[in-house]
Amino acid sequence: MKLINYLFISFLVLGGMQLNAQQLVLDVPYVPTPQEVVDGMLELADVKKGEVVYDLGCGDGRIVITAAKKFGATGIGVDLNPERIEEANANAVEAKVTDKVTFHEGDLFNFDFSKADVLTLYLLPDVNLKLKPKILAEMKPGSRVVSHAFNMGDWEPDKSITIDGRNVYLWIIPEKK
């Protein structure tokens, strides 16, 4: 009987650990970027008609939807959370921009964003730092990276602004050496 209890408790503990491990994957919290910050990010990045805007951790899709609707860009969003992707797609339908934006459920570290003219981020500082080498290696020179709230460590931004007390950073991808 003790063995059965031990196995049952072990199963519960391991099952709980597996569930927690799955939940950790989604632990970059979903915190929507206020619309005035979205507008400021896209203006700071100088988004132009016909450019391609990627949003990593796109949440409800508001950044790429705004880029399409207000700036005439096309947009691609990626998020690990299927509920956010569903919401983003519904928001794109409501905004009538489904011909200009797409959303993908996936891991941003395994996602190809090399075709982006503008890359937008509202992630955590350690995620930005982990992404930095991929950004510098894969993005084309002259493309822009805009981050709401968090910088990139020792990579100094080309410009930064404050909108309603919120920091926004801009980096321009340098020429490859």
C-alpha atoms as a PDB file:
ATOM      1  CA  MET A   1       0.000   0.000   0.000  1.00  0.00           C
ATOM      2  CA  LYS A   2       2.871   2.350   0.773  1.00  0.00           C
ATOM      3  CA  LEU A   3       4.273   1.747  -2.712  1.00  0.00           C
ATOM      4  CA  ILE A   4       0.927   2.627  -4.304  1.00  0.00           C
ATOM      5  CA  ASN A   5       0.686   5.816  -2.214  1.00  0.00           C
ATOM      6  CA  TYR A   6       4.267   6.700  -3.133  1.00  0.00           C
ATOM      7  CA  LEU A   7       3.581   6.140  -6.829  1.00  0.00           C
ATOM      8  CA  PHE A   8       0.361   8.127  -6.665  1.00  0.00           C
ATOM      9  CA  ILE A   9       2.047  11.056  -4.910  1.00  0.00           C
ATOM     10  CA  SER A  10       4.973  10.876  -7.345  1.00  0.00           C
ATOM     11  CA  PHE A  11       2.541  10.924 -10.256  1.00  0.00           C
ATOM     12  CA  LEU A  12       0.801  14.000  -8.835  1.00  0.00           C
ATOM     13  CA  VAL A  13       4.081  15.812  -8.179  1.00  0.00           C
ATOM     14  CA  LEU A  14       5.533  14.980 -11.585  1.00  0.00           C
ATOM     15  CA  GLY A  15       2.259  15.788 -13.309  1.00  0.00           C
ATOM     16  CA  GLY A  16       2.157  19.114 -11.501  1.00  0.00           C
ATOM     17  CA  MET A  17       5.762  19.808 -12.456  1.00  0.00           C
ATOM     18  CA  GLN A  18       4.963  19.038 -16.097  1.00  0.00           C
ATOM     19  CA  LEU A  19       1.935  21.341 -15.965  1.00  0.00           C
ATOM     20  CA  ASN A  20       4.064  24.073 -14.377  1.00  0.00           C
ATOM     21  CA  ALA A  21       6.730  23.596 -17.053  1.00  0.00           C
ATOM     22  CA  GLN A  22       4.057  24.011 -19.736  1.00  0.00           C
ATOM     23  CA  GLN A  23       2.737  27.117 -18.021  1.00  0.00           C
ATOM     24  CA  LEU A  24       6.247  28.599 -17.751  1.00  0.00           C
ATOM     25  CA  VAL A  25       6.422  28.681 -21.540  1.00  0.00           C
ATOM     26  CA  LEU A  26       3.609  31.257 -21.454  1.00  0.00           C
ATOM     27  CA  ASP A  27       5.018  33.232 -18.542  1.00  0.00           C
ATOM     28  CA  VAL A  28       5.809  36.387 -20.475  1.00  0.00           C
ATOM     29  CA  PRO A  29       2.672  38.033 -19.186  1.00  0.00           C
ATOM     30  CA  TYR A  30       0.137  39.412 -21.604  1.00  0.00           C
ATOM     31  CA  VAL A  31       0.027  43.127 -20.976  1.00  0.00           C
ATOM     32  CA  PRO A  32      -1.470  45.069 -23.892  1.00  0.00           C
ATOM     33  CA  THR A  33       0.449  48.097 -25.135  1.00  0.00           C
ATOM     34  CA  PRO A  34      -1.706  51.229 -24.758  1.00  0.00           C
ATOM     35  CA  GLN A  35      -2.852  52.561 -28.144  1.00  0.00           C
ATOM     36  CA  GLU A  36      -1.017  55.877 -27.736  1.00  0.00           C
ATOM     37  CA  VAL A  37       2.218  53.900 -27.196  1.00  0.00           C
ATOM     38  CA  VAL A  38       1.466  51.710 -30.238  1.00  0.00           C
ATOM     39  CA  ASP A  39       1.076  54.850 -32.347  1.00  0.00           C
ATOM     40  CA  GLY A  40       4.269  56.318 -30.889  1.00  0.00           C
ATOM     41  CA  MET A  41       6.246  53.120 -31.516  1.00  0.00           C
ATOM     42  CA  LEU A  42       5.198  53.017 -35.170  1.00  0.00           C
ATOM     43  CA  GLU A  43       5.863  56.742 -35.632  1.00  0.00           C
ATOM     44  CA  LEU A  44       9.297  56.423 -33.980  1.00  0.00           C
ATOM     45  CA  ALA A  45      10.085  53.544 -36.363  1.00  0.00           C
ATOM     46  CA  ASP A  46       8.950  55.753 -39.266  1.00  0.00           C
ATOM     47  CA  VAL A  47       6.753  52.999 -40.718  1.00  0.00           C
ATOM     48  CA  LYS A  48       5.928  53.637 -44.363  1.00  0.00           C
ATOM     49  CA  LYS A  49       3.292  52.320 -46.747  1.00  0.00           C
ATOM     50  CA  GLY A  50       4.280  48.922 -48.142  1.00  0.00           C
ATOM     51  CA  GLU A  51       6.746  48.086 -45.385  1.00  0.00           C
ATOM     52  CA  VAL A  52       6.532  44.875 -43.388  1.00  0.00           C
ATOM     53  CA  VAL A  53       6.070  45.100 -39.604  1.00  0.00           C
ATOM     54  CA  TYR A  54       6.590  42.040 -37.415  1.00  0.00           C
ATOM     55  CA  ASP A  55       5.452  41.959 -33.790  1.00  0.00           C
ATOM     56  CA  LEU A  56       6.985  39.337 -31.514  1.00  0.00           C
ATOM     57  CA  GLY A  57       4.609  38.443 -28.696  1.00  0.00           C
ATOM     58  CA  CYS A  58       1.802  40.087 -30.655  1.00  0.00           C
ATOM     59  CA  GLY A  59      -0.936  39.529 -28.087  1.00  0.00           C
ATOM     60  CA  ASP A  60      -4.222  40.849 -29.470  1.00  0.00           C
ATOM     61  CA  GLY A  61      -2.552  42.054 -32.685  1.00  0.00           C
ATOM     62  CA  ARG A  62      -2.988  45.761 -32.088  1.00  0.00           C
ATOM     63  CA  ILE A  63       0.492  46.772 -33.286  1.00  0.00           C
ATOM     64  CA  VAL A  64       0.388  45.098 -36.721  1.00  0.00           C
ATOM     65  CA  ILE A  65      -3.287  45.987 -37.130  1.00  0.00           C
ATOM     66  CA  THR A  66      -2.462  49.653 -36.469  1.00  0.00           C
ATOM     67  CA  ALA A  67       0.536  49.454 -38.826  1.00  0.00           C
ATOM     68  CA  ALA A  68      -1.771  48.192 -41.573  1.00  0.00           C
ATOM     69  CA  LYS A  69      -4.704  50.494 -40.905  1.00  0.00           C
ATOM     70  CA  LYS A  70      -2.909  53.755 -40.105  1.00  0.00           C
ATOM     71  CA  PHE A  71       0.402  53.422 -41.971  1.00  0.00           C
ATOM     72  CA  GLY A  72      -0.447  51.165 -44.954  1.00  0.00           C
ATOM     73  CA  ALA A  73       2.070  48.496 -43.944  1.00  0.00           C
ATOM     74  CA  THR A  74       1.604  44.762 -43.934  1.00  0.00           C
ATOM     75  CA  GLY A  75       2.072  42.934 -40.681  1.00  0.00           C
ATOM     76  CA  ILE A  76       2.929  39.594 -39.174  1.00  0.00           C
ATOM     77  CA  GLY A  77       2.417  38.769 -35.529  1.00  0.00           C
ATOM     78  CA  VAL A  78       3.663  35.761 -33.601  1.00  0.00           C
ATOM     79  CA  ASP A  79       2.593  34.636 -30.159  1.00  0.00           C
ATOM     80  CA  LEU A  80       2.932  31.420 -28.209  1.00  0.00           C
ATOM     81  CA  ASN A  81      -0.562  31.664 -26.750  1.00  0.00           C
ATOM     82  CA  PRO A  82      -3.294  30.277 -29.047  1.00  0.00           C
ATOM     83  CA  GLU A  83      -5.932  32.399 -27.287  1.00  0.00           C
ATOM     84  CA  ARG A  84      -4.056  35.579 -28.211  1.00  0.00           C
ATOM     85  CA  ILE A  85      -3.765  34.438 -31.844  1.00  0.00           C
ATOM     86  CA  GLU A  86      -7.499  33.771 -31.968  1.00  0.00           C
ATOM     87  CA  GLU A  87      -8.161  37.223 -30.497  1.00  0.00           C
ATOM     88  CA  ALA A  88      -5.708  38.877 -32.925  1.00  0.00           C
ATOM     89  CA  ASN A  89      -7.407  37.235 -35.907  1.00  0.00           C
ATOM     90  CA  ALA A  90     -10.824  38.380 -34.678  1.00  0.00           C
ATOM     91  CA  ASN A  91      -9.482  41.923 -34.216  1.00  0.00           C
ATOM     92  CA  ALA A  92      -8.059  41.881 -37.759  1.00  0.00           C
ATOM     93  CA  VAL A  93     -11.485  40.877 -39.115  1.00  0.00           C
ATOM     94  CA  GLU A  94     -13.137  43.679 -37.140  1.00  0.00           C
ATOM     95  CA  ALA A  95     -10.539  46.199 -38.394  1.00  0.00           C
ATOM     96  CA  LYS A  96     -10.968  44.924 -41.997  1.00  0.00           C
ATOM     97  CA  VAL A  97      -7.229  44.309 -42.475  1.00  0.00           C
ATOM     98  CA  THR A  98      -7.160  40.530 -42.968  1.00  0.00           C
ATOM     99  CA  ASP A  99      -5.649  41.120 -46.415  1.00  0.00           C
ATOM    100  CA  LYS A 100      -2.697  42.938 -44.797  1.00  0.00           C
ATOM    101  CA  VAL A 101      -1.956  41.032 -41.570  1.00  0.00           C
ATOM    102  CA  THR A 102      -1.391  37.448 -40.501  1.00  0.00           C
ATOM    103  CA  PHE A 103      -0.857  35.894 -37.108  1.00  0.00           C
ATOM    104  CA  HIS A 104       1.110  32.766 -36.268  1.00  0.00           C
ATOM    105  CA  GLU A 105       1.142  30.655 -33.146  1.00  0.00           C
ATOM    106  CA  GLY A 106       4.755  29.872 -32.421  1.00  0.00           C
ATOM    107  CA  ASP A 107       7.968  30.412 -30.535  1.00  0.00           C
ATOM    108  CA  LEU A 108       9.513  33.765 -31.411  1.00  0.00           C
ATOM    109  CA  PHE A 109      13.020  32.294 -31.033  1.00  0.00           C
ATOM    110  CA  ASN A 110      12.272  29.853 -33.865  1.00  0.00           C
ATOM    111  CA  PHE A 111      10.412  32.361 -36.019  1.00  0.00           C
ATOM    112  CA  ASP A 112      11.952  33.880 -39.152  1.00  0.00           C
ATOM    113  CA  PHE A 113      11.571  37.654 -38.946  1.00  0.00           C
ATOM    114  CA  SER A 114      14.452  38.439 -41.337  1.00  0.00           C
ATOM    115  CA  LYS A 115      12.071  40.046 -43.869  1.00  0.00           C
ATOM    116  CA  ALA A 116      10.885  42.663 -41.373  1.00  0.00           C
ATOM    117  CA  ASP A 117      11.417  46.315 -42.141  1.00  0.00           C
ATOM    118  CA  VAL A 118      10.290  47.004 -38.581  1.00  0.00           C
ATOM    119  CA  LEU A 119      10.329  44.613 -35.629  1.00  0.00           C
ATOM    120  CA  THR A 120       8.279  45.540 -32.560  1.00  0.00           C
ATOM    121  CA  LEU A 121       8.717  44.125 -29.068  1.00  0.00           C
ATOM    122  CA  TYR A 122       7.069  44.380 -25.675  1.00  0.00           C
ATOM    123  CA  LEU A 123       8.836  41.534 -23.963  1.00  0.00           C
ATOM    124  CA  LEU A 124      10.819  41.168 -20.761  1.00  0.00           C
ATOM    125  CA  PRO A 125      14.422  42.443 -20.451  1.00  0.00           C
ATOM    126  CA  ASP A 126      15.956  38.946 -20.418  1.00  0.00           C
ATOM    127  CA  VAL A 127      13.941  37.970 -23.506  1.00  0.00           C
ATOM    128  CA  ASN A 128      15.149  41.087 -25.357  1.00  0.00           C
ATOM    129  CA  LEU A 129      18.744  40.216 -24.460  1.00  0.00           C
ATOM    130  CA  LYS A 130      18.291  36.619 -25.588  1.00  0.00           C
ATOM    131  CA  LEU A 131      16.801  37.833 -28.906  1.00  0.00           C
ATOM    132  CA  LYS A 132      19.496  40.438 -29.565  1.00  0.00           C
ATOM    133  CA  PRO A 133      22.002  38.105 -31.304  1.00  0.00           C
ATOM    134  CA  LYS A 134      19.250  36.699 -33.574  1.00  0.00           C
ATOM    135  CA  ILE A 135      18.068  40.222 -34.408  1.00  0.00           C
ATOM    136  CA  LEU A 136      21.573  41.432 -35.280  1.00  0.00           C
ATOM    137  CA  ALA A 137      22.410  38.300 -37.290  1.00  0.00           C
ATOM    138  CA  GLU A 138      19.182  37.962 -39.260  1.00  0.00           C
ATOM    139  CA  MET A 139      17.718  41.403 -39.842  1.00  0.00           C
ATOM    140  CA  LYS A 140      18.834  43.427 -42.821  1.00  0.00           C
ATOM    141  CA  PRO A 141      20.872  46.628 -42.324  1.00  0.00           C
ATOM    142  CA  GLY A 142      18.668  49.700 -42.032  1.00  0.00           C
ATOM    143  CA  SER A 143      15.682  47.798 -40.649  1.00  0.00           C
ATOM    144  CA  ARG A 144      14.352  49.066 -37.347  1.00  0.00           C
ATOM    145  CA  VAL A 145      13.633  47.517 -33.966  1.00  0.00           C
ATOM    146  CA  VAL A 146      11.269  49.238 -31.541  1.00  0.00           C
ATOM    147  CA  SER A 147      10.783  48.093 -27.963  1.00  0.00           C
ATOM    148  CA  HIS A 148       8.184  49.257 -25.490  1.00  0.00           C
ATOM    149  CA  ALA A 149       9.565  49.582 -21.953  1.00  0.00           C
ATOM    150  CA  PHE A 150      12.714  47.454 -22.160  1.00  0.00           C
ATOM    151  CA  ASN A 151      16.110  48.134 -23.703  1.00  0.00           C
ATOM    152  CA  MET A 152      18.759  45.771 -25.080  1.00  0.00           C
ATOM    153  CA  GLY A 153      21.420  46.027 -22.399  1.00  0.00           C
ATOM    154  CA  ASP A 154      24.652  47.454 -23.770  1.00  0.00           C
ATOM    155  CA  TRP A 155      23.219  47.995 -27.283  1.00  0.00           C
ATOM    156  CA  GLU A 156      22.537  51.708 -27.129  1.00  0.00           C
ATOM    157  CA  PRO A 157      19.319  52.786 -28.853  1.00  0.00           C
ATOM    158  CA  ASP A 158      19.540  55.172 -31.793  1.00  0.00           C
ATOM    159  CA  LYS A 159      16.672  57.093 -30.265  1.00  0.00           C
ATOM    160  CA  SER A 160      14.338  56.837 -27.297  1.00  0.00           C
ATOM    161  CA  ILE A 161      11.169  58.670 -26.349  1.00  0.00           C
ATOM    162  CA  THR A 162       8.742  58.714 -23.454  1.00  0.00           C
ATOM    163  CA  ILE A 163       4.988  58.478 -24.032  1.00  0.00           C
ATOM    164  CA  ASP A 164       2.749  58.948 -21.003  1.00  0.00           C
ATOM    165  CA  GLY A 165       5.644  57.932 -18.749  1.00  0.00           C
ATOM    166  CA  ARG A 166       6.476  54.818 -20.829  1.00  0.00           C
ATOM    167  CA  ASN A 167       9.868  54.377 -22.472  1.00  0.00           C
ATOM    168  CA  VAL A 168      10.108  53.420 -26.135  1.00  0.00           C
ATOM    169  CA  TYR A 169      13.462  52.540 -27.727  1.00  0.00           C
ATOM    170  CA  LEU A 170      14.520  52.484 -31.387  1.00  0.00           C
ATOM    171  CA  TRP A 171      17.520  50.676 -32.866  1.00  0.00           C
ATOM    172  CA  ILE A 172      18.552  50.709 -36.512  1.00  0.00           C
ATOM    173  CA  ILE A 173      20.269  47.521 -37.657  1.00  0.00           C
ATOM    174  CA  PRO A 174      23.860  48.436 -38.586  1.00  0.00           C
ATOM    175  CA  GLU A 175      25.748  47.357 -41.703  1.00  0.00           C
ATOM    176  CA  LYS A 176      27.238  43.877 -41.413  1.00  0.00           C
ATOM    177  CA  LYS A 177      31.005  43.822 -40.848  1.00  0.00           C
END
